[in-house]
Amino acid sequence: MIDYASDVPRWKQVADVIRARITDGTYPPRSRVPSVIQLQSEFGIAQATAQKVLSRLRDEGATYTVPGLGSFVAEQPTAGSESEQD
């Protein structure tokens, strides 16, 4: 899953995997995404790397964080939803 020989940073590889799981419905809207500890365990990455993954996904708007509860998948805009408001 993670290519340790790749020039692509590990945080980006893991973020791409989580983003793909969001897109394919593995993690539907409002569902919890893996925690830092779960990311460390699944992907064999450092705590700081796992934190960067979650931070990037949150910055992109793919997830949101509820303090004390974890990170969750954000509602994704539906196709054409912006044009319907015109």
N, C-alpha and C. Protein backbone atom coordinates (compact mmCIF):
# COMPACT_ATOMS: atom_id res chain seq x y z
N MET A 1 0.83 -1.19 0.00
CA MET A 1 0.00 0.00 0.00
C MET A 1 0.88 1.26 0.00
N ILE A 2 1.85 1.32 0.87
CA ILE A 2 2.78 2.43 0.89
C ILE A 2 4.07 1.96 0.24
N ASP A 3 4.55 2.75 -0.71
CA ASP A 3 5.79 2.42 -1.41
C ASP A 3 6.92 3.19 -0.74
N TYR A 4 7.67 2.50 0.12
CA TYR A 4 8.74 3.15 0.87
C TYR A 4 9.90 3.56 -0.02
N ALA A 5 10.00 3.02 -1.22
CA ALA A 5 11.07 3.39 -2.15
C ALA A 5 10.68 4.58 -3.02
N SER A 6 9.43 4.99 -2.95
CA SER A 6 8.92 6.07 -3.78
C SER A 6 9.47 7.42 -3.34
N ASP A 7 9.54 8.34 -4.31
CA ASP A 7 9.92 9.72 -4.02
C ASP A 7 8.74 10.51 -3.46
N VAL A 8 7.53 9.94 -3.56
CA VAL A 8 6.33 10.61 -3.04
C VAL A 8 6.36 10.49 -1.52
N PRO A 9 6.22 11.62 -0.81
CA PRO A 9 6.25 11.56 0.66
C PRO A 9 5.20 10.60 1.21
N ARG A 10 5.53 9.95 2.30
CA ARG A 10 4.62 8.96 2.89
C ARG A 10 3.29 9.59 3.29
N TRP A 11 3.33 10.81 3.84
CA TRP A 11 2.08 11.45 4.25
C TRP A 11 1.16 11.62 3.06
N LYS A 12 1.72 11.94 1.89
CA LYS A 12 0.91 12.14 0.69
C LYS A 12 0.33 10.81 0.22
N GLN A 13 1.13 9.75 0.27
CA GLN A 13 0.63 8.43 -0.13
C GLN A 13 -0.54 8.00 0.75
N VAL A 14 -0.40 8.20 2.06
CA VAL A 14 -1.47 7.81 2.98
C VAL A 14 -2.69 8.70 2.77
N ALA A 15 -2.48 10.00 2.62
CA ALA A 15 -3.60 10.91 2.37
C ALA A 15 -4.34 10.51 1.10
N ASP A 16 -3.60 10.10 0.07
CA ASP A 16 -4.24 9.66 -1.18
C ASP A 16 -5.10 8.42 -0.95
N VAL A 17 -4.63 7.49 -0.11
CA VAL A 17 -5.40 6.28 0.19
C VAL A 17 -6.69 6.65 0.92
N ILE A 18 -6.58 7.51 1.93
CA ILE A 18 -7.77 7.90 2.71
C ILE A 18 -8.74 8.67 1.83
N ARG A 19 -8.21 9.57 1.00
CA ARG A 19 -9.05 10.35 0.07
C ARG A 19 -9.78 9.40 -0.89
N ALA A 20 -9.10 8.38 -1.39
CA ALA A 20 -9.72 7.40 -2.29
C ALA A 20 -10.83 6.63 -1.57
N ARG A 21 -10.62 6.31 -0.31
CA ARG A 21 -11.64 5.60 0.47
C ARG A 21 -12.87 6.49 0.69
N ILE A 22 -12.63 7.78 0.84
CA ILE A 22 -13.76 8.71 0.96
C ILE A 22 -14.52 8.76 -0.36
N THR A 23 -13.80 8.87 -1.44
CA THR A 23 -14.42 8.96 -2.77
C THR A 23 -15.21 7.71 -3.13
N ASP A 24 -14.66 6.53 -2.80
CA ASP A 24 -15.34 5.28 -3.18
C ASP A 24 -16.43 4.85 -2.19
N GLY A 25 -16.60 5.64 -1.11
CA GLY A 25 -17.67 5.34 -0.17
C GLY A 25 -17.29 4.43 0.99
N THR A 26 -16.04 4.01 1.03
CA THR A 26 -15.60 3.20 2.16
C THR A 26 -15.81 3.98 3.46
N TYR A 27 -15.53 5.27 3.41
CA TYR A 27 -15.82 6.18 4.52
C TYR A 27 -16.87 7.17 4.04
N PRO A 28 -18.14 6.91 4.31
CA PRO A 28 -19.20 7.81 3.85
C PRO A 28 -19.23 9.11 4.67
N PRO A 29 -19.94 10.13 4.18
CA PRO A 29 -20.05 11.39 4.91
C PRO A 29 -20.48 11.17 6.36
N ARG A 30 -19.87 11.93 7.23
CA ARG A 30 -20.11 11.93 8.68
C ARG A 30 -19.56 10.70 9.40
N SER A 31 -18.91 9.79 8.66
CA SER A 31 -18.31 8.64 9.33
C SER A 31 -16.90 9.01 9.80
N ARG A 32 -16.45 8.29 10.79
CA ARG A 32 -15.13 8.56 11.37
C ARG A 32 -14.04 8.01 10.45
N VAL A 33 -12.99 8.78 10.29
CA VAL A 33 -11.81 8.29 9.57
C VAL A 33 -10.82 7.78 10.62
N PRO A 34 -9.85 6.99 10.21
CA PRO A 34 -8.91 6.43 11.19
C PRO A 34 -8.21 7.51 12.01
N SER A 35 -7.97 7.18 13.26
CA SER A 35 -7.25 8.08 14.17
C SER A 35 -5.76 8.04 13.86
N VAL A 36 -5.02 8.91 14.53
CA VAL A 36 -3.56 8.92 14.39
C VAL A 36 -3.00 7.54 14.71
N ILE A 37 -3.45 6.96 15.80
CA ILE A 37 -2.94 5.64 16.21
C ILE A 37 -3.30 4.58 15.18
N GLN A 38 -4.52 4.63 14.65
CA GLN A 38 -4.92 3.65 13.63
C GLN A 38 -4.11 3.81 12.35
N LEU A 39 -3.84 5.06 11.96
CA LEU A 39 -3.01 5.30 10.76
C LEU A 39 -1.59 4.77 10.98
N GLN A 40 -1.05 5.01 12.17
CA GLN A 40 0.28 4.50 12.49
C GLN A 40 0.32 2.98 12.37
N SER A 41 -0.68 2.33 12.91
CA SER A 41 -0.72 0.88 12.90
C SER A 41 -0.90 0.32 11.49
N GLU A 42 -1.85 0.88 10.75
CA GLU A 42 -2.15 0.36 9.42
C GLU A 42 -1.03 0.60 8.42
N PHE A 43 -0.44 1.78 8.46
CA PHE A 43 0.52 2.16 7.43
C PHE A 43 1.98 2.15 7.89
N GLY A 44 2.22 1.92 9.17
CA GLY A 44 3.59 1.88 9.67
C GLY A 44 4.29 3.23 9.57
N ILE A 45 3.56 4.29 9.90
CA ILE A 45 4.11 5.63 9.81
C ILE A 45 4.26 6.23 11.21
N ALA A 46 5.04 7.28 11.29
CA ALA A 46 5.27 7.97 12.56
C ALA A 46 4.04 8.79 12.96
N GLN A 47 3.96 9.13 14.24
CA GLN A 47 2.85 9.93 14.75
C GLN A 47 2.75 11.26 14.02
N ALA A 48 3.86 11.93 13.83
CA ALA A 48 3.85 13.23 13.15
C ALA A 48 3.36 13.10 11.71
N THR A 49 3.69 12.01 11.06
CA THR A 49 3.24 11.77 9.69
C THR A 49 1.73 11.57 9.66
N ALA A 50 1.22 10.79 10.60
CA ALA A 50 -0.22 10.55 10.69
C ALA A 50 -0.96 11.85 10.98
N GLN A 51 -0.41 12.67 11.85
CA GLN A 51 -1.03 13.95 12.16
C GLN A 51 -1.06 14.85 10.93
N LYS A 52 0.00 14.81 10.12
CA LYS A 52 0.05 15.61 8.90
C LYS A 52 -1.01 15.15 7.91
N VAL A 53 -1.22 13.85 7.81
CA VAL A 53 -2.26 13.30 6.93
C VAL A 53 -3.62 13.89 7.31
N LEU A 54 -3.97 13.79 8.59
CA LEU A 54 -5.27 14.27 9.05
C LEU A 54 -5.38 15.79 8.89
N SER A 55 -4.30 16.49 9.13
CA SER A 55 -4.30 17.95 8.98
C SER A 55 -4.53 18.35 7.53
N ARG A 56 -3.86 17.68 6.61
CA ARG A 56 -4.02 17.99 5.18
C ARG A 56 -5.44 17.70 4.70
N LEU A 57 -5.99 16.58 5.10
CA LEU A 57 -7.35 16.24 4.69
C LEU A 57 -8.35 17.26 5.24
N ARG A 58 -8.11 17.72 6.47
CA ARG A 58 -8.97 18.75 7.06
C ARG A 58 -8.81 20.07 6.30
N ASP A 59 -7.58 20.46 5.99
CA ASP A 59 -7.32 21.70 5.26
C ASP A 59 -7.97 21.69 3.87
N GLU A 60 -8.03 20.52 3.26
CA GLU A 60 -8.66 20.37 1.93
C GLU A 60 -10.18 20.40 2.01
N GLY A 61 -10.72 20.24 3.21
CA GLY A 61 -12.17 20.19 3.36
C GLY A 61 -12.75 18.80 3.20
N ALA A 62 -11.89 17.78 3.11
CA ALA A 62 -12.37 16.40 2.97
C ALA A 62 -12.87 15.86 4.30
N THR A 63 -12.29 16.37 5.40
CA THR A 63 -12.68 15.93 6.72
C THR A 63 -12.84 17.14 7.64
N TYR A 64 -13.43 16.89 8.79
CA TYR A 64 -13.48 17.90 9.85
C TYR A 64 -13.20 17.19 11.16
N THR A 65 -12.74 17.93 12.15
CA THR A 65 -12.38 17.36 13.44
C THR A 65 -13.29 17.88 14.53
N VAL A 66 -13.74 16.98 15.37
CA VAL A 66 -14.50 17.34 16.56
C VAL A 66 -13.59 17.03 17.74
N PRO A 67 -13.14 18.07 18.46
CA PRO A 67 -12.22 17.84 19.58
C PRO A 67 -12.77 16.79 20.55
N GLY A 68 -11.92 15.85 20.88
CA GLY A 68 -12.31 14.80 21.82
C GLY A 68 -13.03 13.63 21.19
N LEU A 69 -13.46 13.78 19.94
CA LEU A 69 -14.20 12.70 19.27
C LEU A 69 -13.46 12.12 18.07
N GLY A 70 -12.71 12.94 17.35
CA GLY A 70 -11.97 12.44 16.20
C GLY A 70 -12.25 13.22 14.93
N SER A 71 -11.81 12.64 13.82
CA SER A 71 -11.99 13.25 12.49
C SER A 71 -13.06 12.49 11.73
N PHE A 72 -13.86 13.25 10.99
CA PHE A 72 -15.00 12.69 10.27
C PHE A 72 -15.01 13.18 8.84
N VAL A 73 -15.64 12.40 7.96
CA VAL A 73 -15.75 12.77 6.55
C VAL A 73 -16.74 13.92 6.42
N ALA A 74 -16.32 14.95 5.71
CA ALA A 74 -17.19 16.10 5.46
C ALA A 74 -18.21 15.75 4.39
N GLU A 75 -19.33 16.44 4.42
CA GLU A 75 -20.33 16.30 3.35
C GLU A 75 -19.69 16.82 2.07
N GLN A 76 -19.76 16.03 1.02
CA GLN A 76 -19.19 16.44 -0.25
C GLN A 76 -20.26 17.10 -1.10
N PRO A 77 -19.92 18.23 -1.75
CA PRO A 77 -20.93 18.87 -2.60
C PRO A 77 -21.34 17.95 -3.74
N THR A 78 -22.59 17.96 -4.07
CA THR A 78 -23.08 17.14 -5.18
C THR A 78 -22.85 17.87 -6.49
N ALA A 79 -22.72 17.14 -7.54
CA ALA A 79 -22.50 17.73 -8.86
C ALA A 79 -23.67 18.63 -9.22
N GLY A 80 -23.36 19.82 -9.63
CA GLY A 80 -24.39 20.76 -10.06
C GLY A 80 -25.04 21.54 -8.94
N SER A 81 -24.63 21.30 -7.69
CA SER A 81 -25.28 21.99 -6.57
C SER A 81 -25.04 23.49 -6.60
N GLU A 82 -23.90 23.93 -7.12
CA GLU A 82 -23.63 25.37 -7.21
C GLU A 82 -24.47 26.03 -8.27
N SER A 83 -24.67 25.34 -9.41
CA SER A 83 -25.43 25.94 -10.51
C SER A 83 -26.92 26.03 -10.19
N GLU A 84 -27.39 25.17 -9.28
CA GLU A 84 -28.80 25.20 -8.92
C GLU A 84 -29.17 26.45 -8.13
N GLN A 85 -28.16 27.11 -7.54
CA GLN A 85 -28.42 28.29 -6.73
C GLN A 85 -28.51 29.54 -7.59
N ASP A 86 -28.19 29.47 -8.85
CA ASP A 86 -28.20 30.65 -9.74
C ASP A 86 -29.57 31.17 -10.00
